[in-house]
PDB file of N, CA and C in Angstrom:
ATOM      1  N   UNK A   1      36.460 -75.857 -20.714  1.00  0.00           N
ATOM      2  CA  UNK A   1      35.433 -74.867 -19.397  1.00  0.00           C
ATOM      3  C   UNK A   1      34.466 -74.572 -20.496  1.00  0.00           C
ATOM      4  N   UNK A   2      33.988 -74.361 -21.641  1.00  0.00           N
ATOM      5  CA  UNK A   2      32.874 -74.035 -22.458  1.00  0.00           C
ATOM      6  C   UNK A   2      32.163 -74.618 -22.682  1.00  0.00           C
ATOM      7  N   UNK A   3      30.496 -74.368 -22.094  1.00  0.00           N
ATOM      8  CA  UNK A   3      29.537 -74.971 -22.019  1.00  0.00           C
ATOM      9  C   UNK A   3      28.908 -75.319 -20.909  1.00  0.00           C
ATOM     10  N   UNK A   4      29.550 -75.003 -19.752  1.00  0.00           N
ATOM     11  CA  UNK A   4      29.205 -75.034 -18.338  1.00  0.00           C
ATOM     12  C   UNK A   4      29.131 -73.335 -18.035  1.00  0.00           C
ATOM     13  N   UNK A   5      28.002 -73.335 -17.195  1.00  0.00           N
ATOM     14  CA  UNK A   5      28.065 -72.131 -16.547  1.00  0.00           C
ATOM     15  C   UNK A   5      27.654 -72.613 -14.969  1.00  0.00           C
ATOM     16  N   UNK A   6      28.154 -71.486 -14.053  1.00  0.00           N
ATOM     17  CA  UNK A   6      28.241 -71.556 -12.995  1.00  0.00           C
ATOM     18  C   UNK A   6      27.507 -70.124 -11.956  1.00  0.00           C
ATOM     19  N   UNK A   7      26.267 -71.072 -11.421  1.00  0.00           N
ATOM     20  CA  UNK A   7      25.791 -69.538 -10.628  1.00  0.00           C
ATOM     21  C   UNK A   7      25.789 -69.507  -9.122  1.00  0.00           C
ATOM     22  N   UNK A   8      26.863 -68.788  -9.076  1.00  0.00           N
ATOM     23  CA  UNK A   8      27.407 -68.567  -7.615  1.00  0.00           C
ATOM     24  C   UNK A   8      26.746 -67.405  -6.785  1.00  0.00           C
ATOM     25  N   UNK A   9      25.479 -67.038  -7.601  1.00  0.00           N
ATOM     26  CA  UNK A   9      24.658 -66.292  -6.580  1.00  0.00           C
ATOM     27  C   UNK A   9      23.818 -67.090  -5.719  1.00  0.00           C
ATOM     28  N   UNK A  10      23.968 -66.877  -4.168  1.00  0.00           N
ATOM     29  CA  UNK A  10      23.112 -68.026  -3.166  1.00  0.00           C
ATOM     30  C   UNK A  10      22.597 -66.156  -2.436  1.00  0.00           C
ATOM     31  N   UNK A  11      21.047 -66.507  -2.379  1.00  0.00           N
ATOM     32  CA  UNK A  11      20.353 -65.528  -1.662  1.00  0.00           C
ATOM     33  C   UNK A  11      19.604 -65.932  -0.225  1.00  0.00           C
ATOM     34  N   UNK A  12      19.451 -64.774   0.344  1.00  0.00           N
ATOM     35  CA  UNK A  12      18.989 -65.112   1.647  1.00  0.00           C
ATOM     36  C   UNK A  12      17.527 -66.204   1.901  1.00  0.00           C
ATOM     37  N   UNK A  13      16.733 -65.763   0.732  1.00  0.00           N
ATOM     38  CA  UNK A  13      15.548 -66.264   0.175  1.00  0.00           C
ATOM     39  C   UNK A  13      15.452 -67.975   0.036  1.00  0.00           C
ATOM     40  N   UNK A  14      16.689 -68.608  -0.554  1.00  0.00           N
ATOM     41  CA  UNK A  14      17.467 -69.621  -0.573  1.00  0.00           C
ATOM     42  C   UNK A  14      17.591 -70.665   0.498  1.00  0.00           C
ATOM     43  N   UNK A  15      18.395 -69.568   1.730  1.00  0.00           N
ATOM     44  CA  UNK A  15      18.402 -70.629   2.728  1.00  0.00           C
ATOM     45  C   UNK A  15      17.888 -69.733   4.104  1.00  0.00           C
ATOM     46  N   UNK A  16      16.934 -69.542   4.009  1.00  0.00           N
ATOM     47  CA  UNK A  16      16.436 -68.279   5.008  1.00  0.00           C
ATOM     48  C   UNK A  16      17.039 -68.997   6.656  1.00  0.00           C
ATOM     49  N   UNK A  17      17.226 -69.823   7.020  1.00  0.00           N
ATOM     50  CA  UNK A  17      17.371 -70.339   8.253  1.00  0.00           C
ATOM     51  C   UNK A  17      18.821 -70.183   8.477  1.00  0.00           C
ATOM     52  N   UNK A  18      20.200 -70.253   7.422  1.00  0.00           N
ATOM     53  CA  UNK A  18      21.223 -69.997   7.610  1.00  0.00           C
ATOM     54  C   UNK A  18      21.533 -68.552   7.711  1.00  0.00           C
ATOM     55  N   UNK A  19      20.499 -67.787   6.864  1.00  0.00           N
ATOM     56  CA  UNK A  19      20.579 -65.957   6.930  1.00  0.00           C
ATOM     57  C   UNK A  19      20.344 -65.588   8.095  1.00  0.00           C
ATOM     58  N   UNK A  20      19.719 -65.999   9.042  1.00  0.00           N
ATOM     59  CA  UNK A  20      19.216 -65.787  10.428  1.00  0.00           C
ATOM     60  C   UNK A  20      20.439 -65.967  11.221  1.00  0.00           C
ATOM     61  N   UNK A  21      20.938 -67.336  11.176  1.00  0.00           N
ATOM     62  CA  UNK A  21      21.604 -67.599  11.968  1.00  0.00           C
ATOM     63  C   UNK A  21      23.029 -66.572  12.122  1.00  0.00           C
ATOM     64  N   UNK A  22      23.372 -66.243  10.471  1.00  0.00           N
ATOM     65  CA  UNK A  22      24.248 -65.227  10.358  1.00  0.00           C
ATOM     66  C   UNK A  22      24.283 -63.845  10.891  1.00  0.00           C
ATOM     67  N   UNK A  23      22.842 -63.766  10.916  1.00  0.00           N
ATOM     68  CA  UNK A  23      22.725 -62.118  11.266  1.00  0.00           C
ATOM     69  C   UNK A  23      22.753 -62.294  12.718  1.00  0.00           C
ATOM     70  N   UNK A  24      22.226 -63.143  13.597  1.00  0.00           N
ATOM     71  CA  UNK A  24      22.237 -62.984  15.078  1.00  0.00           C
ATOM     72  C   UNK A  24      23.512 -63.210  15.669  1.00  0.00           C
ATOM     73  N   UNK A  25      23.694 -62.021  16.311  1.00  0.00           N
ATOM     74  CA  UNK A  25      25.213 -62.102  16.960  1.00  0.00           C
ATOM     75  C   UNK A  25      25.014 -63.142  18.016  1.00  0.00           C
ATOM     76  N   UNK A  26      26.226 -63.446  18.546  1.00  0.00           N
ATOM     77  CA  UNK A  26      26.187 -64.519  19.586  1.00  0.00           C
ATOM     78  C   UNK A  26      26.164 -63.909  21.275  1.00  0.00           C
ATOM     79  N   UNK A  27      25.958 -64.340  22.302  1.00  0.00           N
ATOM     80  CA  UNK A  27      25.822 -63.449  23.339  1.00  0.00           C
ATOM     81  C   UNK A  27      27.512 -62.587  23.445  1.00  0.00           C
ATOM     82  N   UNK A  28      28.354 -63.557  23.605  1.00  0.00           N
ATOM     83  CA  UNK A  28      30.105 -63.144  23.380  1.00  0.00           C
ATOM     84  C   UNK A  28      30.435 -62.088  22.607  1.00  0.00           C
ATOM     85  N   UNK A  29      29.513 -62.072  21.314  1.00  0.00           N
ATOM     86  CA  UNK A  29      29.651 -61.003  20.681  1.00  0.00           C
ATOM     87  C   UNK A  29      29.230 -60.052  21.136  1.00  0.00           C
ATOM     88  N   UNK A  30      28.026 -59.860  21.493  1.00  0.00           N
ATOM     89  CA  UNK A  30      27.049 -59.155  21.659  1.00  0.00           C
ATOM     90  C   UNK A  30      27.925 -58.031  22.922  1.00  0.00           C
ATOM     91  N   UNK A  31      28.254 -59.197  24.070  1.00  0.00           N
ATOM     92  CA  UNK A  31      29.133 -58.266  25.301  1.00  0.00           C
ATOM     93  C   UNK A  31      30.298 -57.944  25.079  1.00  0.00           C
ATOM     94  N   UNK A  32      30.925 -58.367  24.093  1.00  0.00           N
ATOM     95  CA  UNK A  32      32.289 -57.752  24.061  1.00  0.00           C
ATOM     96  C   UNK A  32      31.918 -56.357  22.991  1.00  0.00           C
ATOM     97  N   UNK A  33      31.058 -56.353  22.151  1.00  0.00           N
ATOM     98  CA  UNK A  33      31.030 -54.916  22.121  1.00  0.00           C
ATOM     99  C   UNK A  33      30.400 -53.906  22.667  1.00  0.00           C
ATOM    100  N   UNK A  34      29.630 -54.356  23.310  1.00  0.00           N
ATOM    101  CA  UNK A  34      28.992 -53.133  24.692  1.00  0.00           C
ATOM    102  C   UNK A  34      30.372 -53.044  25.810  1.00  0.00           C
ATOM    103  N   UNK A  35      31.222 -54.017  25.921  1.00  0.00           N
ATOM    104  CA  UNK A  35      32.026 -53.678  26.648  1.00  0.00           C
ATOM    105  C   UNK A  35      33.199 -52.535  25.918  1.00  0.00           C
ATOM    106  N   UNK A  36      33.569 -52.972  24.466  1.00  0.00           N
ATOM    107  CA  UNK A  36      34.422 -52.137  24.091  1.00  0.00           C
ATOM    108  C   UNK A  36      33.828 -50.876  23.663  1.00  0.00           C
ATOM    109  N   UNK A  37      32.254 -50.791  24.003  1.00  0.00           N
ATOM    110  CA  UNK A  37      32.187 -49.129  23.857  1.00  0.00           C
ATOM    111  C   UNK A  37      32.000 -48.707  24.929  1.00  0.00           C
ATOM    112  N   UNK A  38      31.856 -49.099  25.930  1.00  0.00           N
ATOM    113  CA  UNK A  38      31.890 -48.652  27.297  1.00  0.00           C
ATOM    114  C   UNK A  38      33.331 -48.027  27.734  1.00  0.00           C
ATOM    115  N   UNK A  39      34.384 -49.027  27.208  1.00  0.00           N
ATOM    116  CA  UNK A  39      35.582 -48.811  27.228  1.00  0.00           C
ATOM    117  C   UNK A  39      36.041 -47.312  26.566  1.00  0.00           C
ATOM    118  N   UNK A  40      35.316 -47.101  25.526  1.00  0.00           N
ATOM    119  CA  UNK A  40      35.676 -46.202  24.523  1.00  0.00           C
ATOM    120  C   UNK A  40      35.168 -44.929  25.199  1.00  0.00           C
ATOM    121  N   UNK A  41      34.397 -45.251  25.786  1.00  0.00           N
ATOM    122  CA  UNK A  41      33.496 -43.811  26.433  1.00  0.00           C
ATOM    123  C   UNK A  41      34.183 -43.675  27.866  1.00  0.00           C
ATOM    124  N   UNK A  42      34.972 -44.772  28.644  1.00  0.00           N
ATOM    125  CA  UNK A  42      35.589 -44.219  29.449  1.00  0.00           C
ATOM    126  C   UNK A  42      37.051 -43.506  29.319  1.00  0.00           C
ATOM    127  N   UNK A  43      37.629 -43.831  27.664  1.00  0.00           N
ATOM    128  CA  UNK A  43      38.775 -43.206  27.545  1.00  0.00           C
ATOM    129  C   UNK A  43      38.313 -41.896  26.867  1.00  0.00           C
ATOM    130  N   UNK A  44      37.193 -41.825  26.395  1.00  0.00           N
ATOM    131  CA  UNK A  44      37.166 -40.117  25.798  1.00  0.00           C
ATOM    132  C   UNK A  44      36.826 -39.067  27.311  1.00  0.00           C
ATOM    133  N   UNK A  45      36.045 -39.912  28.446  1.00  0.00           N
ATOM    134  CA  UNK A  45      36.257 -39.058  29.446  1.00  0.00           C
ATOM    135  C   UNK A  45      37.158 -38.973  30.286  1.00  0.00           C
ATOM    136  N   UNK A  46      38.076 -39.907  30.185  1.00  0.00           N
ATOM    137  CA  UNK A  46      39.750 -39.681  30.827  1.00  0.00           C
ATOM    138  C   UNK A  46      40.332 -38.448  30.418  1.00  0.00           C
ATOM    139  N   UNK A  47      39.775 -38.457  29.120  1.00  0.00           N
ATOM    140  CA  UNK A  47      40.611 -37.543  28.070  1.00  0.00           C
ATOM    141  C   UNK A  47      39.998 -36.118  28.441  1.00  0.00           C
ATOM    142  N   UNK A  48      38.865 -36.086  28.528  1.00  0.00           N
ATOM    143  CA  UNK A  48      38.344 -34.654  28.973  1.00  0.00           C
ATOM    144  C   UNK A  48      38.352 -34.207  30.405  1.00  0.00           C
ATOM    145  N   UNK A  49      39.108 -35.127  31.236  1.00  0.00           N
ATOM    146  CA  UNK A  49      38.737 -34.719  32.459  1.00  0.00           C
ATOM    147  C   UNK A  49      40.044 -33.341  32.651  1.00  0.00           C
ATOM    148  N   UNK A  50      41.031 -33.573  32.456  1.00  0.00           N
ATOM    149  CA  UNK A  50      42.199 -32.420  32.444  1.00  0.00           C
ATOM    150  C   UNK A  50      41.557 -31.156  31.721  1.00  0.00           C
ATOM    151  N   UNK A  51      40.833 -30.992  30.594  1.00  0.00           N
ATOM    152  CA  UNK A  51      40.439 -29.921  30.027  1.00  0.00           C
ATOM    153  C   UNK A  51      39.217 -29.316  30.901  1.00  0.00           C
ATOM    154  N   UNK A  52      38.361 -30.175  31.124  1.00  0.00           N
ATOM    155  CA  UNK A  52      37.181 -29.666  32.836  1.00  0.00           C
ATOM    156  C   UNK A  52      37.732 -29.076  33.734  1.00  0.00           C
ATOM    157  N   UNK A  53      38.900 -30.056  34.293  1.00  0.00           N
ATOM    158  CA  UNK A  53      39.799 -29.421  35.638  1.00  0.00           C
ATOM    159  C   UNK A  53      40.328 -27.745  34.960  1.00  0.00           C
ATOM    160  N   UNK A  54      40.882 -27.607  34.075  1.00  0.00           N
ATOM    161  CA  UNK A  54      41.595 -26.354  33.760  1.00  0.00           C
ATOM    162  C   UNK A  54      40.408 -25.142  33.625  1.00  0.00           C
ATOM    163  N   UNK A  55      39.343 -25.727  32.758  1.00  0.00           N
ATOM    164  CA  UNK A  55      38.110 -24.856  32.677  1.00  0.00           C
ATOM    165  C   UNK A  55      37.876 -24.423  33.988  1.00  0.00           C
ATOM    166  N   UNK A  56      37.380 -25.746  35.197  1.00  0.00           N
ATOM    167  CA  UNK A  56      36.794 -24.914  36.034  1.00  0.00           C
ATOM    168  C   UNK A  56      37.849 -24.023  37.095  1.00  0.00           C
ATOM    169  N   UNK A  57      39.366 -24.397  36.985  1.00  0.00           N
ATOM    170  CA  UNK A  57      40.210 -23.706  37.693  1.00  0.00           C
ATOM    171  C   UNK A  57      40.538 -22.294  37.272  1.00  0.00           C
ATOM    172  N   UNK A  58      40.409 -21.929  36.409  1.00  0.00           N
ATOM    173  CA  UNK A  58      40.388 -20.902  35.518  1.00  0.00           C
ATOM    174  C   UNK A  58      38.787 -19.995  35.857  1.00  0.00           C
ATOM    175  N   UNK A  59      37.614 -20.415  35.929  1.00  0.00           N
ATOM    176  CA  UNK A  59      36.536 -19.905  36.119  1.00  0.00           C
ATOM    177  C   UNK A  59      36.432 -19.780  37.655  1.00  0.00           C
ATOM    178  N   UNK A  60      37.327 -20.268  38.540  1.00  0.00           N
ATOM    179  CA  UNK A  60      36.893 -20.119  40.113  1.00  0.00           C
ATOM    180  C   UNK A  60      37.833 -19.392  40.640  1.00  0.00           C
TER     181      UNK A  60
END
């Protein structure tokens, strides 16, 4: 193995088209991320509902 050098470093400037393809998310991936974010928000709202109801009942 001596005498051989291998450079495994690949930069985006060497392959600009491939780098853009890797960065650009597909429509399905973006849709899944938006759906997951909305689902998390719904769970947070669902978890806060009893607290809001109790606070309104105490003030009312």
